PDB file of N, CA and C in Angstrom:
ATOM      1  N   ILE A   1     215.387  91.279 158.596  1.00  0.00           N
ATOM      2  CA  ILE A   1     214.008  91.517 158.989  1.00  0.00           C
ATOM      3  C   ILE A   1     213.408  90.272 159.647  1.00  0.00           C
ATOM      4  N   ASP A   2     213.859  89.059 159.230  1.00  0.00           N
ATOM      5  CA  ASP A   2     213.366  87.831 159.843  1.00  0.00           C
ATOM      6  C   ASP A   2     213.743  87.764 161.321  1.00  0.00           C
ATOM      7  N   VAL A   3     214.922  88.272 161.646  1.00  0.00           N
ATOM      8  CA  VAL A   3     215.381  88.259 163.030  1.00  0.00           C
ATOM      9  C   VAL A   3     214.489  89.163 163.880  1.00  0.00           C
ATOM     10  N   MET A   4     214.098  90.293 163.343  1.00  0.00           N
ATOM     11  CA  MET A   4     213.248  91.226 164.080  1.00  0.00           C
ATOM     12  C   MET A   4     211.857  90.629 164.315  1.00  0.00           C
ATOM     13  N   ILE A   5     211.309  89.959 163.295  1.00  0.00           N
ATOM     14  CA  ILE A   5     209.986  89.352 163.438  1.00  0.00           C
ATOM     15  C   ILE A   5     210.031  88.230 164.464  1.00  0.00           C
ATOM     16  N   ARG A   6     211.115  87.461 164.414  1.00  0.00           N
ATOM     17  CA  ARG A   6     211.249  86.364 165.370  1.00  0.00           C
ATOM     18  C   ARG A   6     211.394  86.898 166.784  1.00  0.00           C
ATOM     19  N   ALA A   7     212.175  87.943 166.974  1.00  0.00           N
ATOM     20  CA  ALA A   7     212.339  88.540 168.297  1.00  0.00           C
ATOM     21  C   ALA A   7     211.012  89.120 168.793  1.00  0.00           C
ATOM     22  N   LEU A   8     210.267  89.757 167.886  1.00  0.00           N
ATOM     23  CA  LEU A   8     208.970  90.316 168.258  1.00  0.00           C
ATOM     24  C   LEU A   8     207.998  89.209 168.666  1.00  0.00           C
ATOM     25  N   SER A   9     207.966  88.121 167.911  1.00  0.00           N
ATOM     26  CA  SER A   9     207.044  87.037 168.246  1.00  0.00           C
ATOM     27  C   SER A   9     207.423  86.382 169.577  1.00  0.00           C
ATOM     28  N   LYS A  10     208.716  86.238 169.863  1.00  0.00           N
ATOM     29  CA  LYS A  10     209.152  85.695 171.142  1.00  0.00           C
ATOM     30  C   LYS A  10     208.709  86.590 172.292  1.00  0.00           C
ATOM     31  N   GLN A  11     208.853  87.889 172.092  1.00  0.00           N
ATOM     32  CA  GLN A  11     208.456  88.826 173.144  1.00  0.00           C
ATOM     33  C   GLN A  11     206.936  88.803 173.362  1.00  0.00           C
ATOM     34  N   LEU A  12     206.187  88.695 172.276  1.00  0.00           N
ATOM     35  CA  LEU A  12     204.731  88.626 172.409  1.00  0.00           C
ATOM     36  C   LEU A  12     204.304  87.350 173.138  1.00  0.00           C
ATOM     37  N   ILE A  13     204.975  86.254 172.835  1.00  0.00           N
ATOM     38  CA  ILE A  13     204.653  84.999 173.511  1.00  0.00           C
ATOM     39  C   ILE A  13     204.945  85.117 175.002  1.00  0.00           C
ATOM     40  N   LYS A  14     206.086  85.699 175.352  1.00  0.00           N
ATOM     41  CA  LYS A  14     206.426  85.881 176.754  1.00  0.00           C
ATOM     42  C   LYS A  14     205.426  86.783 177.456  1.00  0.00           C
ATOM     43  N   THR A  15     204.948  87.787 176.745  1.00  0.00           N
ATOM     44  CA  THR A  15     204.072  88.779 177.364  1.00  0.00           C
ATOM     45  C   THR A  15     202.651  88.263 177.541  1.00  0.00           C
ATOM     46  N   TYR A  16     202.120  87.554 176.552  1.00  0.00           N
ATOM     47  CA  TYR A  16     200.707  87.207 176.574  1.00  0.00           C
ATOM     48  C   TYR A  16     200.413  85.743 176.896  1.00  0.00           C
ATOM     49  N   VAL A  17     201.188  84.829 176.385  1.00  0.00           N
ATOM     50  CA  VAL A  17     200.848  83.417 176.519  1.00  0.00           C
ATOM     51  C   VAL A  17     201.237  82.871 177.889  1.00  0.00           C
ATOM     52  N   GLU A  18     202.445  83.139 178.346  1.00  0.00           N
ATOM     53  CA  GLU A  18     202.911  82.571 179.603  1.00  0.00           C
ATOM     54  C   GLU A  18     202.096  83.032 180.808  1.00  0.00           C
ATOM     55  N   PRO A  19     201.761  84.311 180.955  1.00  0.00           N
ATOM     56  CA  PRO A  19     200.904  84.684 182.099  1.00  0.00           C
ATOM     57  C   PRO A  19     199.519  84.050 182.016  1.00  0.00           C
ATOM     58  N   ALA A  20     199.004  83.883 180.810  1.00  0.00           N
ATOM     59  CA  ALA A  20     197.691  83.258 180.662  1.00  0.00           C
ATOM     60  C   ALA A  20     197.747  81.793 181.099  1.00  0.00           C
ATOM     61  N   GLN A  21     198.845  81.109 180.820  1.00  0.00           N
ATOM     62  CA  GLN A  21     198.976  79.714 181.226  1.00  0.00           C
ATOM     63  C   GLN A  21     199.097  79.600 182.742  1.00  0.00           C
ATOM     64  N   ARG A  22     199.768  80.547 183.366  1.00  0.00           N
ATOM     65  CA  ARG A  22     199.901  80.518 184.816  1.00  0.00           C
ATOM     66  C   ARG A  22     198.569  80.803 185.502  1.00  0.00           C
ATOM     67  N   ALA A  23     197.733  81.598 184.869  1.00  0.00           N
ATOM     68  CA  ALA A  23     196.475  82.010 185.485  1.00  0.00           C
ATOM     69  C   ALA A  23     195.296  81.130 185.064  1.00  0.00           C
ATOM     70  N   MET A  24     195.565  79.973 184.492  1.00  0.00           N
ATOM     71  CA  MET A  24     194.461  79.111 184.063  1.00  0.00           C
ATOM     72  C   MET A  24     193.641  78.686 185.276  1.00  0.00           C
ATOM     73  N   VAL A  25     192.334  78.748 185.136  1.00  0.00           N
ATOM     74  CA  VAL A  25     191.434  78.443 186.232  1.00  0.00           C
ATOM     75  C   VAL A  25     190.928  77.011 186.076  1.00  0.00           C
ATOM     76  N   VAL A  26     190.897  76.287 187.174  1.00  0.00           N
ATOM     77  CA  VAL A  26     190.380  74.917 187.159  1.00  0.00           C
ATOM     78  C   VAL A  26     188.856  75.001 187.145  1.00  0.00           C
ATOM     79  N   PRO A  27     188.184  74.293 186.229  1.00  0.00           N
ATOM     80  CA  PRO A  27     186.722  74.337 186.202  1.00  0.00           C
ATOM     81  C   PRO A  27     186.124  73.815 187.504  1.00  0.00           C
ATOM     82  N   TRP A  28     184.911  74.237 187.807  1.00  0.00           N
ATOM     83  CA  TRP A  28     184.272  73.866 189.075  1.00  0.00           C
ATOM     84  C   TRP A  28     184.101  72.369 189.220  1.00  0.00           C
ATOM     85  N   TYR A  29     183.897  71.647 188.120  1.00  0.00           N
ATOM     86  CA  TYR A  29     183.657  70.218 188.213  1.00  0.00           C
ATOM     87  C   TYR A  29     184.941  69.419 188.382  1.00  0.00           C
ATOM     88  N   GLN A  30     186.111  70.071 188.283  1.00  0.00           N
ATOM     89  CA  GLN A  30     187.374  69.377 188.513  1.00  0.00           C
ATOM     90  C   GLN A  30     188.017  69.782 189.835  1.00  0.00           C
ATOM     91  N   GLN A  31     187.384  70.678 190.563  1.00  0.00           N
ATOM     92  CA  GLN A  31     187.922  71.089 191.855  1.00  0.00           C
ATOM     93  C   GLN A  31     187.575  70.031 192.906  1.00  0.00           C
ATOM     94  N   PRO A  32     188.456  69.838 193.870  1.00  0.00           N
ATOM     95  CA  PRO A  32     188.144  68.847 194.917  1.00  0.00           C
ATOM     96  C   PRO A  32     186.942  69.296 195.740  1.00  0.00           C
ATOM     97  N   ARG A  33     186.104  68.327 196.100  1.00  0.00           N
ATOM     98  CA  ARG A  33     184.916  68.641 196.883  1.00  0.00           C
ATOM     99  C   ARG A  33     185.269  68.645 198.362  1.00  0.00           C
ATOM    100  N   HIS A  34     184.800  69.654 199.061  1.00  0.00           N
ATOM    101  CA  HIS A  34     185.012  69.746 200.498  1.00  0.00           C
ATOM    102  C   HIS A  34     183.684  69.449 201.177  1.00  0.00           C
ATOM    103  N   LEU A  35     183.644  68.357 201.934  1.00  0.00           N
ATOM    104  CA  LEU A  35     182.417  67.943 202.590  1.00  0.00           C
ATOM    105  C   LEU A  35     182.338  68.514 203.999  1.00  0.00           C
ATOM    106  N   THR A  36     181.123  68.794 204.435  1.00  0.00           N
ATOM    107  CA  THR A  36     180.916  69.214 205.815  1.00  0.00           C
ATOM    108  C   THR A  36     181.071  67.985 206.709  1.00  0.00           C
ATOM    109  N   PRO A  37     181.269  68.174 207.994  1.00  0.00           N
ATOM    110  CA  PRO A  37     181.370  66.990 208.879  1.00  0.00           C
ATOM    111  C   PRO A  37     180.127  66.102 208.835  1.00  0.00           C
ATOM    112  N   LEU A  38     178.945  66.711 208.695  1.00  0.00           N
ATOM    113  CA  LEU A  38     177.726  65.907 208.598  1.00  0.00           C
ATOM    114  C   LEU A  38     177.722  65.070 207.324  1.00  0.00           C
ATOM    115  N   GLN A  39     178.109  65.677 206.195  1.00  0.00           N
ATOM    116  CA  GLN A  39     178.177  64.926 204.948  1.00  0.00           C
ATOM    117  C   GLN A  39     179.212  63.814 205.032  1.00  0.00           C
ATOM    118  N   GLN A  40     180.342  64.075 205.641  1.00  0.00           N
ATOM    119  CA  GLN A  40     181.390  63.055 205.793  1.00  0.00           C
ATOM    120  C   GLN A  40     180.874  61.895 206.644  1.00  0.00           C
ATOM    121  N   TRP A  41     180.198  62.204 207.751  1.00  0.00           N
ATOM    122  CA  TRP A  41     179.643  61.165 208.612  1.00  0.00           C
ATOM    123  C   TRP A  41     178.585  60.353 207.865  1.00  0.00           C
ATOM    124  N   TRP A  42     177.748  61.043 207.104  1.00  0.00           N
ATOM    125  CA  TRP A  42     176.693  60.367 206.333  1.00  0.00           C
ATOM    126  C   TRP A  42     177.304  59.373 205.355  1.00  0.00           C
ATOM    127  N   ARG A  43     178.331  59.807 204.611  1.00  0.00           N
ATOM    128  CA  ARG A  43     178.950  58.927 203.617  1.00  0.00           C
ATOM    129  C   ARG A  43     179.676  57.751 204.252  1.00  0.00           C
ATOM    130  N   GLU A  44     180.217  57.944 205.447  1.00  0.00           N
ATOM    131  CA  GLU A  44     180.973  56.868 206.084  1.00  0.00           C
ATOM    132  C   GLU A  44     180.088  55.889 206.847  1.00  0.00           C
ATOM    133  N   ASN A  45     178.966  56.363 207.416  1.00  0.00           N
ATOM    134  CA  ASN A  45     178.182  55.517 208.309  1.00  0.00           C
ATOM    135  C   ASN A  45     176.807  55.132 207.776  1.00  0.00           C
ATOM    136  N   VAL A  46     176.086  56.063 207.197  1.00  0.00           N
ATOM    137  CA  VAL A  46     174.712  55.794 206.793  1.00  0.00           C
ATOM    138  C   VAL A  46     174.644  55.200 205.396  1.00  0.00           C
ATOM    139  N   TYR A  47     175.355  55.768 204.453  1.00  0.00           N
ATOM    140  CA  TYR A  47     175.228  55.327 203.061  1.00  0.00           C
ATOM    141  C   TYR A  47     175.592  53.859 202.851  1.00  0.00           C
ATOM    142  N   PRO A  48     176.665  53.325 203.462  1.00  0.00           N
ATOM    143  CA  PRO A  48     176.938  51.892 203.254  1.00  0.00           C
ATOM    144  C   PRO A  48     175.793  50.991 203.728  1.00  0.00           C
ATOM    145  N   VAL A  49     175.163  51.346 204.841  1.00  0.00           N
ATOM    146  CA  VAL A  49     174.039  50.549 205.342  1.00  0.00           C
ATOM    147  C   VAL A  49     172.855  50.681 204.390  1.00  0.00           C
ATOM    148  N   TRP A  50     172.593  51.894 203.939  1.00  0.00           N
ATOM    149  CA  TRP A  50     171.505  52.143 202.988  1.00  0.00           C
ATOM    150  C   TRP A  50     171.712  51.326 201.718  1.00  0.00           C
ATOM    151  N   PHE A  51     172.938  51.310 201.214  1.00  0.00           N
ATOM    152  CA  PHE A  51     173.219  50.560 200.000  1.00  0.00           C
ATOM    153  C   PHE A  51     173.078  49.061 200.235  1.00  0.00           C
ATOM    154  N   LYS A  52     173.579  48.586 201.386  1.00  0.00           N
ATOM    155  CA  LYS A  52     173.577  47.140 201.650  1.00  0.00           C
ATOM    156  C   LYS A  52     172.170  46.586 201.806  1.00  0.00           C
ATOM    157  N   TYR A  53     171.283  47.323 202.459  1.00  0.00           N
ATOM    158  CA  TYR A  53     169.970  46.774 202.778  1.00  0.00           C
ATOM    159  C   TYR A  53     168.831  47.314 201.921  1.00  0.00           C
ATOM    160  N   VAL A  54     169.039  48.410 201.195  1.00  0.00           N
ATOM    161  CA  VAL A  54     167.941  48.980 200.411  1.00  0.00           C
ATOM    162  C   VAL A  54     168.278  48.989 198.925  1.00  0.00           C
ATOM    163  N   ILE A  55     169.267  49.766 198.536  1.00  0.00           N
ATOM    164  CA  ILE A  55     169.578  49.948 197.124  1.00  0.00           C
ATOM    165  C   ILE A  55     170.144  48.673 196.504  1.00  0.00           C
ATOM    166  N   GLY A  56     171.050  48.007 197.195  1.00  0.00           N
ATOM    167  CA  GLY A  56     171.663  46.795 196.665  1.00  0.00           C
ATOM    168  C   GLY A  56     170.648  45.711 196.331  1.00  0.00           C
ATOM    169  N   PRO A  57     169.806  45.314 197.292  1.00  0.00           N
ATOM    170  CA  PRO A  57     168.800  44.288 196.972  1.00  0.00           C
ATOM    171  C   PRO A  57     167.806  44.737 195.902  1.00  0.00           C
ATOM    172  N   TYR A  58     167.440  46.014 195.888  1.00  0.00           N
ATOM    173  CA  TYR A  58     166.509  46.506 194.875  1.00  0.00           C
ATOM    174  C   TYR A  58     167.109  46.398 193.476  1.00  0.00           C
ATOM    175  N   GLU A  59     168.377  46.834 193.326  1.00  0.00           N
ATOM    176  CA  GLU A  59     169.026  46.742 192.020  1.00  0.00           C
ATOM    177  C   GLU A  59     169.233  45.288 191.614  1.00  0.00           C
ATOM    178  N   ARG A  60     169.526  44.421 192.571  1.00  0.00           N
ATOM    179  CA  ARG A  60     169.682  42.993 192.275  1.00  0.00           C
ATOM    180  C   ARG A  60     168.359  42.407 191.776  1.00  0.00           C
ATOM    181  N   TYR A  61     167.252  42.796 192.426  1.00  0.00           N
ATOM    182  CA  TYR A  61     165.933  42.322 191.984  1.00  0.00           C
ATOM    183  C   TYR A  61     165.635  42.805 190.571  1.00  0.00           C
ATOM    184  N   GLN A  62     165.916  44.078 190.287  1.00  0.00           N
ATOM    185  CA  GLN A  62     165.654  44.616 188.951  1.00  0.00           C
ATOM    186  C   GLN A  62     166.479  43.884 187.900  1.00  0.00           C
ATOM    187  N   TYR A  63     167.732  43.595 188.205  1.00  0.00           N
ATOM    188  CA  TYR A  63     168.598  42.863 187.281  1.00  0.00           C
ATOM    189  C   TYR A  63     168.062  41.461 187.036  1.00  0.00           C
ATOM    190  N   GLU A  64     167.722  40.745 188.107  1.00  0.00           N
ATOM    191  CA  GLU A  64     167.218  39.378 187.949  1.00  0.00           C
ATOM    192  C   GLU A  64     165.904  39.374 187.178  1.00  0.00           C
ATOM    193  N   HIS A  65     165.068  40.346 187.406  1.00  0.00           N
ATOM    194  CA  HIS A  65     163.802  40.445 186.687  1.00  0.00           C
ATOM    195  C   HIS A  65     164.044  40.684 185.189  1.00  0.00           C
ATOM    196  N   ALA A  66     164.971  41.576 184.852  1.00  0.00           N
ATOM    197  CA  ALA A  66     165.285  41.851 183.446  1.00  0.00           C
ATOM    198  C   ALA A  66     165.865  40.618 182.766  1.00  0.00           C
ATOM    199  N   VAL A  67     166.750  39.908 183.461  1.00  0.00           N
ATOM    200  CA  VAL A  67     167.349  38.698 182.891  1.00  0.00           C
ATOM    201  C   VAL A  67     166.281  37.639 182.663  1.00  0.00           C
ATOM    202  N   ALA A  68     165.379  37.456 183.621  1.00  0.00           N
ATOM    203  CA  ALA A  68     164.325  36.456 183.472  1.00  0.00           C
ATOM    204  C   ALA A  68     163.404  36.801 182.315  1.00  0.00           C
ATOM    205  N   GLU A  69     163.079  38.077 182.153  1.00  0.00           N
ATOM    206  CA  GLU A  69     162.207  38.477 181.053  1.00  0.00           C
ATOM    207  C   GLU A  69     162.885  38.239 179.703  1.00  0.00           C
ATOM    208  N   LEU A  70     164.159  38.568 179.582  1.00  0.00           N
ATOM    209  CA  LEU A  70     164.867  38.343 178.333  1.00  0.00           C
ATOM    210  C   LEU A  70     165.015  36.855 178.032  1.00  0.00           C
ATOM    211  N   ARG A  71     165.268  36.056 179.072  1.00  0.00           N
ATOM    212  CA  ARG A  71     165.405  34.611 178.855  1.00  0.00           C
ATOM    213  C   ARG A  71     164.090  33.996 178.403  1.00  0.00           C
ATOM    214  N   SER A  72     162.971  34.586 178.806  1.00  0.00           N
ATOM    215  CA  SER A  72     161.686  34.050 178.357  1.00  0.00           C
ATOM    216  C   SER A  72     161.514  34.222 176.855  1.00  0.00           C
ATOM    217  N   TYR A  73     162.240  35.172 176.272  1.00  0.00           N
ATOM    218  CA  TYR A  73     162.217  35.365 174.819  1.00  0.00           C
ATOM    219  C   TYR A  73     163.390  34.671 174.133  1.00  0.00           C
ATOM    220  N   GLY A  74     164.202  33.940 174.898  1.00  0.00           N
ATOM    221  CA  GLY A  74     165.338  33.239 174.327  1.00  0.00           C
ATOM    222  C   GLY A  74     166.547  34.123 174.124  1.00  0.00           C
ATOM    223  N   LEU A  75     166.606  35.234 174.842  1.00  0.00           N
ATOM    224  CA  LEU A  75     167.731  36.147 174.719  1.00  0.00           C
ATOM    225  C   LEU A  75     168.577  36.108 175.976  1.00  0.00           C
ATOM    226  N   MET A  76     169.811  36.486 175.825  1.00  0.00           N
ATOM    227  CA  MET A  76     170.670  36.651 176.994  1.00  0.00           C
ATOM    228  C   MET A  76     170.805  38.134 177.256  1.00  0.00           C
ATOM    229  N   PHE A  77     171.106  38.496 178.500  1.00  0.00           N
ATOM    230  CA  PHE A  77     171.207  39.907 178.879  1.00  0.00           C
ATOM    231  C   PHE A  77     172.296  40.607 178.079  1.00  0.00           C
ATOM    232  N   ASP A  78     173.420  39.914 177.837  1.00  0.00           N
ATOM    233  CA  ASP A  78     174.526  40.521 177.100  1.00  0.00           C
ATOM    234  C   ASP A  78     174.204  40.757 175.643  1.00  0.00           C
ATOM    235  N   ASP A  79     173.226  40.039 175.093  1.00  0.00           N
ATOM    236  CA  ASP A  79     172.867  40.245 173.689  1.00  0.00           C
ATOM    237  C   ASP A  79     172.284  41.633 173.451  1.00  0.00           C
ATOM    238  N   GLN A  80     171.790  42.273 174.495  1.00  0.00           N
ATOM    239  CA  GLN A  80     171.173  43.586 174.350  1.00  0.00           C
ATOM    240  C   GLN A  80     172.221  44.696 174.202  1.00  0.00           C
ATOM    241  N   HIS A  81     173.475  44.388 174.458  1.00  0.00           N
ATOM    242  CA  HIS A  81     174.537  45.393 174.418  1.00  0.00           C
ATOM    243  C   HIS A  81     175.320  45.382 173.114  1.00  0.00           C
ATOM    244  N   ASN A  82     174.940  44.576 172.158  1.00  0.00           N
ATOM    245  CA  ASN A  82     175.654  44.514 170.873  1.00  0.00           C
ATOM    246  C   ASN A  82     175.090  45.467 169.878  1.00  0.00           C
TER     247      ASN A  82
END
């Protein structure tokens, strides 16, 4: 009887589990993104300039301001991450 149960379980695995594994769907957030030509051009040409002259200096200013404020209290910036 053990042989019959084992054969039945093997057949069930072949019937139900293997097709389900082949048909697994990739979630939307793991699928590769396809950009339009305008989006591709924007990322290659406009965004680096935007980051270099706008976002980069702004984030640098915010960082320096936070460090200066913490140092006025005798703290270091890294002490806030412990």
